[in-house]
Amino acid sequence: MEALHVIAGLDPRDGGPTYSVPSLCAALTRAGCNARMMTVRSDGCVARPDLQAFPQFASGAPLLGSLRLSPGLRRAAASQAKRSDVVHAHGLWLMPNVDAGNAASHARTSLVVSPRGMLAKEALEYSNLKKRLFWHLLQRRAYAGAAAWHATSDQEAAEIRAFGIAAPIAVIPNGIDLPEVLADHDEARPRRRLLFLSRIHPKKGLPVLLDAWSLLAAERPDWDLAIAGADEGGHRGELEARVATDGIPNVVFTGPLYGEAKTTLLKATDLFVLPTRNENFGIAVAEALAAGIPAVVSTGAPWSGLILERCGWWIEQGKEPLLATLREATALPAAERRAMGLRGRAWMTRDFGWDRIGQQMCAVYKWLASDGPRPPEIQTR
């Protein structure tokens, strides 16, 4: 099997798909489906042997720049789709997504679409007019012949159906690399850490987190709130201004962290929090659990398994549920949080290893090529 994956950008600042798509491609190749990637070049894009990065069209027109138009990618996708068994497009609303769909259609190659959270209600409301125009003028035709869509959760599958998509949906979660170093939960540490790790974006619920923390901080003077992640649209500045104006104590903004710096942060973290309004998956939750950290996550993310696996809390959105849960979680003995974290780590090992994810996606590709049985992950209307 030959699979061509197209994503508009692979700069880590663009969020979760910049980790999950390359990891999926590596897992697919290990499973016997040779996966190659195409993207638009950027400063943060890391060279890989399975990746082609094409320059963005240079133009003084801001609209063209924001759409990541790349004639080189369009031509290469059209050519390589003819030699591929499947074209897998990641995302919507950008020209490389359109180019991938058109390339698959012209080559009569199976097209798989991963919306990567972009059909969630919150996501659709952002720049709604622009997205509706883009869909009706360009994207709908390019994706009309998709043989299947890919959702990372049942919640995202429901969002795809709500958008009017009738094609089969493969529900396969993102995977996670299991770190060798686990959170120490060392009782001897003088301070505890509550960690938010994700893009600093309005949909992530950070104002609500500050609402809750402003009340909790006085009760937990030995705890710090660390907010780690890349700023988006100046939201970090808004949050920092509020922390300063309201005098909210023990809040640290670390900026984006990668590699060893992120590992060091996770090792000395006691509790993870994500009060998001909407996530299709939430790779940061999986990262925290894989590192042995219990998690507090809102119902805006599809992590009901936190309750079943007894490794965290899945709570309603809003200040009051968050404050009550953080009070409970921070009051637990360190040994109990460590036990919860180890249960989360075991869950990630069992169900979210990349090799298993690669095998599941490869089975979907073979089914589309009429070379295998229908996988259990496939949902139809």
Protein backbone atom coordinates (compact mmCIF):
# COMPACT_ATOMS: atom_id res chain seq x y z
CA MET A 1 0.00 0.00 0.00
CA GLU A 2 1.18 3.50 -0.89
CA ALA A 3 -0.38 6.36 1.12
CA LEU A 4 0.13 10.07 0.42
CA HIS A 5 -0.61 12.35 3.39
CA VAL A 6 -1.17 16.07 2.85
CA ILE A 7 -1.24 18.61 5.68
CA ALA A 8 -1.07 22.37 5.32
CA GLY A 9 1.65 22.90 7.93
CA LEU A 10 3.96 21.00 10.27
CA ASP A 11 5.21 23.81 12.47
CA PRO A 12 4.82 22.63 16.11
CA ARG A 13 3.11 25.96 16.88
CA ASP A 14 0.17 24.79 14.76
CA GLY A 15 -0.90 22.30 17.44
CA GLY A 16 -1.55 18.59 17.86
CA PRO A 17 -1.71 17.42 14.22
CA THR A 18 1.92 18.46 13.72
CA TYR A 19 2.79 15.66 16.15
CA SER A 20 0.09 13.12 15.36
CA VAL A 21 0.32 13.13 11.54
CA PRO A 22 4.08 12.35 11.31
CA SER A 23 3.69 9.76 14.07
CA LEU A 24 0.77 8.16 12.23
CA CYS A 25 2.81 8.00 9.02
CA ALA A 26 5.72 6.33 10.81
CA ALA A 27 3.34 3.79 12.38
CA LEU A 28 1.68 3.10 9.02
CA THR A 29 5.04 2.39 7.42
CA ARG A 30 5.89 -0.05 10.23
CA ALA A 31 2.52 -1.72 9.60
CA GLY A 32 3.31 -2.26 5.92
CA CYS A 33 1.63 0.80 4.36
CA ASN A 34 4.34 3.07 2.94
CA ALA A 35 3.27 6.57 4.03
CA ARG A 36 4.71 9.81 2.64
CA MET A 37 3.88 13.39 3.62
CA MET A 38 3.54 16.73 1.84
CA THR A 39 3.27 20.11 3.50
CA VAL A 40 3.91 23.81 3.01
CA ARG A 41 7.36 24.82 4.21
CA SER A 42 7.70 26.90 7.38
CA ASP A 43 10.49 27.91 9.76
CA GLY A 44 9.49 25.30 12.34
CA CYS A 45 9.06 22.43 9.88
CA VAL A 46 11.62 19.69 10.64
CA ALA A 47 13.20 17.82 7.71
CA ARG A 48 12.31 14.13 7.51
CA PRO A 49 13.07 11.47 4.87
CA ASP A 50 9.33 10.81 4.37
CA LEU A 51 8.41 14.51 3.98
CA GLN A 52 8.33 16.90 1.05
CA ALA A 53 7.97 20.57 2.04
CA PHE A 54 7.05 23.05 -0.70
CA PRO A 55 7.40 26.84 -0.65
CA GLN A 56 4.34 28.97 -0.13
CA PHE A 57 3.26 31.24 -2.97
CA ALA A 58 4.91 34.61 -2.44
CA SER A 59 2.34 37.34 -2.81
CA GLY A 60 1.49 40.67 -1.30
CA ALA A 61 -2.15 39.59 -1.02
CA PRO A 62 -2.86 38.72 2.66
CA LEU A 63 -5.72 36.37 1.76
CA LEU A 64 -3.54 34.17 -0.44
CA GLY A 65 -0.90 34.08 2.25
CA SER A 66 -3.37 33.00 4.91
CA LEU A 67 -4.63 30.14 2.72
CA ARG A 68 -1.10 28.65 2.35
CA LEU A 69 -1.30 28.46 -1.41
CA SER A 70 1.57 26.41 -2.86
CA PRO A 71 1.66 25.70 -6.62
CA GLY A 72 4.55 23.30 -6.06
CA LEU A 73 2.54 21.21 -3.61
CA ARG A 74 -0.48 21.23 -5.92
CA ARG A 75 1.56 19.90 -8.86
CA ALA A 76 3.37 17.28 -6.78
CA ALA A 77 0.13 16.04 -5.18
CA ALA A 78 -1.49 15.65 -8.61
CA SER A 79 1.50 13.65 -9.82
CA GLN A 80 2.03 11.45 -6.77
CA ALA A 81 -1.68 10.68 -6.28
CA LYS A 82 -1.50 8.64 -9.49
CA ARG A 83 1.06 6.35 -7.83
CA SER A 84 -0.77 6.08 -4.51
CA ASP A 85 -3.45 3.70 -3.26
CA VAL A 86 -4.86 6.36 -0.95
CA VAL A 87 -4.57 10.11 -0.48
CA HIS A 88 -5.10 11.14 3.14
CA ALA A 89 -5.94 14.83 3.64
CA HIS A 90 -5.59 16.38 7.10
CA GLY A 91 -7.67 19.46 7.91
CA LEU A 92 -9.92 21.91 6.10
CA TRP A 93 -10.10 25.57 5.08
CA LEU A 94 -6.64 25.77 3.46
CA MET A 95 -5.53 25.32 -0.13
CA PRO A 96 -3.36 22.19 0.44
CA ASN A 97 -6.56 20.45 1.64
CA VAL A 98 -8.28 21.39 -1.62
CA ASP A 99 -5.25 20.31 -3.63
CA ALA A 100 -5.22 16.90 -1.94
CA GLY A 101 -8.90 16.30 -2.67
CA ASN A 102 -8.60 17.38 -6.29
CA ALA A 103 -5.49 15.25 -6.79
CA ALA A 104 -7.26 12.13 -5.49
CA SER A 105 -10.32 12.83 -7.64
CA HIS A 106 -8.35 13.31 -10.86
CA ALA A 107 -6.22 10.22 -10.16
CA ARG A 108 -9.28 8.13 -9.20
CA THR A 109 -7.51 7.32 -5.93
CA SER A 110 -9.31 6.69 -2.63
CA LEU A 111 -9.48 9.85 -0.50
CA VAL A 112 -9.54 9.78 3.31
CA VAL A 113 -10.23 13.05 5.18
CA SER A 114 -9.23 13.78 8.78
CA PRO A 115 -10.87 17.09 9.81
CA ARG A 116 -8.64 17.29 12.91
CA GLY A 117 -11.28 19.00 15.05
CA MET A 118 -12.18 21.62 12.47
CA LEU A 119 -15.86 20.61 12.28
CA ALA A 120 -16.54 21.14 15.97
CA LYS A 121 -19.20 23.75 16.77
CA GLU A 122 -16.66 26.07 18.39
CA ALA A 123 -14.29 25.75 15.45
CA LEU A 124 -17.01 26.41 12.86
CA GLU A 125 -18.14 29.56 14.68
CA TYR A 126 -14.66 31.05 14.34
CA SER A 127 -14.45 32.98 10.99
CA ASN A 128 -17.75 31.35 10.09
CA LEU A 129 -18.45 33.36 6.94
CA LYS A 130 -14.99 32.75 5.53
CA LYS A 131 -15.31 29.01 6.17
CA ARG A 132 -18.77 28.78 4.59
CA LEU A 133 -17.52 30.56 1.48
CA PHE A 134 -14.43 28.38 1.29
CA TRP A 135 -16.50 25.21 1.66
CA HIS A 136 -19.05 26.10 -1.00
CA LEU A 137 -16.55 27.56 -3.48
CA LEU A 138 -13.65 25.12 -3.14
CA GLN A 139 -13.64 22.51 -0.37
CA ARG A 140 -16.98 20.77 -0.93
CA ARG A 141 -16.15 19.75 -4.48
CA ALA A 142 -12.63 18.63 -3.54
CA TYR A 143 -13.90 16.40 -0.71
CA ALA A 144 -17.14 15.27 -2.38
CA GLY A 145 -15.68 11.96 -3.49
CA ALA A 146 -14.02 11.03 -0.19
CA ALA A 147 -14.18 7.27 0.28
CA ALA A 148 -14.02 7.66 4.06
CA TRP A 149 -13.52 10.24 6.80
CA HIS A 150 -11.40 9.72 9.89
CA ALA A 151 -12.47 10.79 13.40
CA THR A 152 -10.31 10.51 16.49
CA SER A 153 -13.33 9.97 18.77
CA ASP A 154 -17.05 9.21 18.69
CA GLN A 155 -17.62 12.87 19.51
CA GLU A 156 -15.78 13.96 16.38
CA ALA A 157 -17.66 11.35 14.32
CA ALA A 158 -20.92 12.94 15.47
CA GLU A 159 -19.59 16.37 14.43
CA ILE A 160 -18.77 15.02 10.97
CA ARG A 161 -22.30 13.63 10.60
CA ALA A 162 -23.80 16.90 11.85
CA PHE A 163 -21.92 18.69 9.07
CA GLY A 164 -23.81 16.55 6.55
CA ILE A 165 -21.14 13.99 5.65
CA ALA A 166 -22.63 10.62 4.68
CA ALA A 167 -19.43 8.71 3.84
CA PRO A 168 -18.12 5.93 6.12
CA ILE A 169 -16.18 7.16 9.15
CA ALA A 170 -13.19 5.37 10.65
CA VAL A 171 -13.05 6.11 14.39
CA ILE A 172 -9.39 5.68 15.33
CA PRO A 173 -7.80 7.74 18.11
CA ASN A 174 -4.47 9.48 17.96
CA GLY A 175 -1.62 7.54 19.46
CA ILE A 176 0.97 8.60 21.99
CA ASP A 177 4.68 8.00 22.44
CA LEU A 178 5.28 6.63 25.92
CA PRO A 179 8.01 8.61 27.69
CA GLU A 180 10.68 6.74 29.62
CA VAL A 181 10.58 9.31 32.42
CA LEU A 182 7.45 9.45 34.61
CA ALA A 183 6.19 12.16 36.96
CA ASP A 184 7.90 11.60 40.29
CA HIS A 185 5.06 12.77 42.63
CA ASP A 186 7.83 13.25 45.17
CA GLU A 187 6.38 14.25 48.53
CA ALA A 188 9.68 15.89 49.43
CA ARG A 189 9.32 18.56 46.77
CA PRO A 190 8.49 21.88 48.49
CA ARG A 191 5.99 22.90 45.81
CA ARG A 192 3.31 21.15 43.77
CA ARG A 193 2.45 21.90 40.15
CA LEU A 194 -0.87 22.07 38.31
CA LEU A 195 -0.14 22.08 34.59
CA PHE A 196 -2.03 23.36 31.57
CA LEU A 197 -0.20 22.24 28.40
CA SER A 198 -1.74 23.15 25.05
CA ARG A 199 -2.11 26.03 22.61
CA ILE A 200 -3.02 29.27 24.39
CA HIS A 201 -6.26 29.81 22.50
CA PRO A 202 -9.63 31.20 23.66
CA LYS A 203 -11.36 27.84 23.17
CA LYS A 204 -9.09 26.14 25.71
CA GLY A 205 -10.97 27.60 28.69
CA LEU A 206 -8.06 29.43 30.30
CA PRO A 207 -10.18 32.37 31.59
CA VAL A 208 -12.30 29.83 33.48
CA LEU A 209 -9.15 28.20 34.82
CA LEU A 210 -7.94 31.58 36.12
CA ASP A 211 -11.39 32.16 37.68
CA ALA A 212 -11.02 28.91 39.61
CA TRP A 213 -7.35 29.37 40.42
CA SER A 214 -7.87 32.88 41.80
CA LEU A 215 -9.98 31.27 44.54
CA LEU A 216 -7.96 28.10 44.99
CA ALA A 217 -4.50 29.66 45.21
CA ALA A 218 -5.10 31.05 48.69
CA GLU A 219 -6.17 27.59 49.88
CA ARG A 220 -3.20 25.85 48.28
CA PRO A 221 -0.21 28.19 48.82
CA ASP A 222 2.24 25.35 48.09
CA TRP A 223 0.81 24.84 44.56
CA ASP A 224 1.79 26.63 41.34
CA LEU A 225 -0.20 26.86 38.10
CA ALA A 226 2.04 26.48 35.04
CA ILE A 227 0.54 27.49 31.68
CA ALA A 228 2.66 26.05 28.87
CA GLY A 229 2.06 26.40 25.16
CA ALA A 230 2.34 28.58 22.10
CA ASP A 231 0.37 31.83 22.05
CA GLU A 232 -2.37 32.19 19.44
CA GLY A 233 -3.87 35.53 18.48
CA GLY A 234 -2.41 37.39 21.47
CA HIS A 235 -4.48 35.42 24.01
CA ARG A 236 -1.49 34.94 26.31
CA GLY A 237 -1.12 38.71 26.65
CA GLU A 238 -4.78 38.99 27.67
CA LEU A 239 -4.32 36.32 30.32
CA GLU A 240 -1.09 37.80 31.66
CA ALA A 241 -2.75 41.20 31.94
CA ARG A 242 -5.56 39.69 33.98
CA VAL A 243 -3.12 37.86 36.28
CA ALA A 244 -1.31 41.14 36.92
CA THR A 245 -4.44 43.28 37.30
CA ASP A 246 -6.23 40.86 39.62
CA GLY A 247 -3.08 39.91 41.51
CA ILE A 248 -3.59 36.17 40.95
CA PRO A 249 -0.64 34.44 42.68
CA ASN A 250 1.60 31.55 41.70
CA VAL A 251 0.91 31.57 37.94
CA VAL A 252 3.80 30.96 35.53
CA PHE A 253 3.65 31.21 31.71
CA THR A 254 6.45 29.08 30.27
CA GLY A 255 5.85 29.54 26.55
CA PRO A 256 5.98 26.51 24.22
CA LEU A 257 8.17 23.62 25.41
CA TYR A 258 9.53 20.73 23.37
CA GLY A 259 11.79 17.75 23.85
CA GLU A 260 13.85 17.65 27.04
CA ALA A 261 12.32 20.89 28.37
CA LYS A 262 8.83 19.39 28.19
CA THR A 263 10.02 16.10 29.73
CA THR A 264 11.53 18.02 32.66
CA LEU A 265 8.28 19.91 33.16
CA LEU A 266 6.15 16.75 33.14
CA LYS A 267 8.46 14.96 35.56
CA ALA A 268 7.79 17.59 38.24
CA THR A 269 4.03 17.89 37.60
CA ASP A 270 1.43 16.59 40.05
CA LEU A 271 -1.84 17.26 38.19
CA PHE A 272 -2.87 18.15 34.64
CA VAL A 273 -5.85 20.33 33.69
CA LEU A 274 -7.62 21.06 30.39
CA PRO A 275 -10.91 23.01 30.83
CA THR A 276 -11.45 23.23 27.07
CA ARG A 277 -14.71 24.15 25.36
CA ASN A 278 -14.03 21.73 22.52
CA GLU A 279 -11.40 19.20 21.40
CA ASN A 280 -11.64 16.44 18.82
CA PHE A 281 -9.06 14.47 20.82
CA GLY A 282 -6.72 16.48 23.06
CA ILE A 283 -3.24 15.06 22.56
CA ALA A 284 -1.98 16.91 25.64
CA VAL A 285 -4.27 14.77 27.83
CA ALA A 286 -2.70 11.61 26.42
CA GLU A 287 0.78 13.05 26.95
CA ALA A 288 0.04 13.78 30.59
CA LEU A 289 -1.44 10.35 31.23
CA ALA A 290 1.46 8.64 29.47
CA ALA A 291 3.78 10.48 31.85
CA GLY A 292 1.85 9.17 34.85
CA ILE A 293 -0.04 12.38 35.67
CA PRO A 294 -3.75 12.28 36.63
CA ALA A 295 -5.88 14.68 34.60
CA VAL A 296 -8.83 17.02 35.12
CA VAL A 297 -10.57 17.46 31.76
CA SER A 298 -13.84 19.10 30.79
CA THR A 299 -16.57 17.37 28.81
CA GLY A 300 -15.55 19.55 25.87
CA ALA A 301 -12.94 16.84 25.18
CA PRO A 302 -13.76 13.14 24.57
CA TRP A 303 -12.08 11.73 27.68
CA SER A 304 -14.88 9.94 29.53
CA GLY A 305 -12.43 7.06 29.98
CA LEU A 306 -10.75 9.04 32.75
CA ILE A 307 -13.55 7.93 35.04
CA LEU A 308 -13.67 4.32 33.83
CA GLU A 309 -9.90 3.92 34.13
CA ARG A 310 -9.82 5.76 37.50
CA CYS A 311 -7.01 8.06 36.41
CA GLY A 312 -8.68 11.46 36.50
CA TRP A 313 -11.85 13.53 36.42
CA TRP A 314 -14.16 14.27 33.46
CA ILE A 315 -16.23 17.28 34.50
CA GLU A 316 -18.84 19.71 33.25
CA GLN A 317 -17.61 23.01 31.89
CA GLY A 318 -17.62 26.10 34.07
CA LYS A 319 -15.89 27.63 37.08
CA GLU A 320 -17.80 25.85 39.85
CA PRO A 321 -17.28 22.24 38.65
CA LEU A 322 -13.63 23.04 37.93
CA LEU A 323 -13.01 24.66 41.32
CA ALA A 324 -14.67 21.81 43.21
CA THR A 325 -12.68 19.18 41.31
CA LEU A 326 -9.37 20.98 41.70
CA ARG A 327 -10.01 21.26 45.43
CA GLU A 328 -10.57 17.51 45.59
CA ALA A 329 -7.62 16.60 43.37
CA THR A 330 -5.09 18.86 45.08
CA ALA A 331 -6.16 17.61 48.53
CA LEU A 332 -5.31 13.99 47.71
CA PRO A 333 -2.15 12.44 49.16
CA ALA A 334 0.71 12.34 46.66
CA ALA A 335 0.66 8.54 46.78
CA GLU A 336 -2.95 8.47 45.60
CA ARG A 337 -2.22 10.82 42.70
CA ARG A 338 0.76 8.61 41.81
CA ALA A 339 -1.50 5.52 41.73
CA MET A 340 -3.99 7.33 39.49
CA GLY A 341 -1.14 8.37 37.21
CA LEU A 342 0.12 4.80 36.89
CA ARG A 343 -3.37 3.63 35.94
CA GLY A 344 -3.44 6.32 33.25
CA ARG A 345 -0.04 5.21 31.98
CA ALA A 346 -1.28 1.60 31.75
CA TRP A 347 -4.32 2.78 29.78
CA MET A 348 -2.18 4.68 27.30
CA THR A 349 0.11 1.66 26.89
CA ARG A 350 -2.81 -0.67 26.25
CA ASP A 351 -5.00 1.38 23.90
CA PHE A 352 -3.00 4.26 22.46
CA GLY A 353 0.31 2.83 21.28
CA TRP A 354 1.19 4.06 17.77
CA ASP A 355 1.79 0.57 16.38
CA ARG A 356 -1.79 -0.40 17.14
CA ILE A 357 -3.07 2.85 15.60
CA GLY A 358 -0.99 2.27 12.46
CA GLN A 359 -2.36 -1.24 12.05
CA GLN A 360 -5.94 0.01 12.40
CA MET A 361 -5.48 2.76 9.80
CA CYS A 362 -3.68 0.38 7.43
CA ALA A 363 -6.66 -1.98 7.67
CA VAL A 364 -8.94 0.90 6.63
CA TYR A 365 -6.78 1.59 3.58
CA LYS A 366 -6.82 -2.08 2.57
CA TRP A 367 -10.60 -2.19 2.96
CA LEU A 368 -10.95 0.83 0.68
CA ALA A 369 -8.75 -0.94 -1.86
CA SER A 370 -11.03 -4.02 -1.63
CA ASP A 371 -8.05 -5.93 -0.26
CA GLY A 372 -9.35 -6.68 3.21
CA PRO A 373 -12.45 -7.10 5.41
CA ARG A 374 -14.38 -4.14 6.76
CA PRO A 375 -12.57 -3.01 9.92
CA PRO A 376 -14.59 -2.76 13.17
CA GLU A 377 -13.57 0.92 13.42
CA ILE A 378 -15.74 1.82 10.40
CA GLN A 379 -19.09 3.50 11.08
CA THR A 380 -21.75 3.95 8.41
CA ARG A 381 -25.06 5.82 8.53
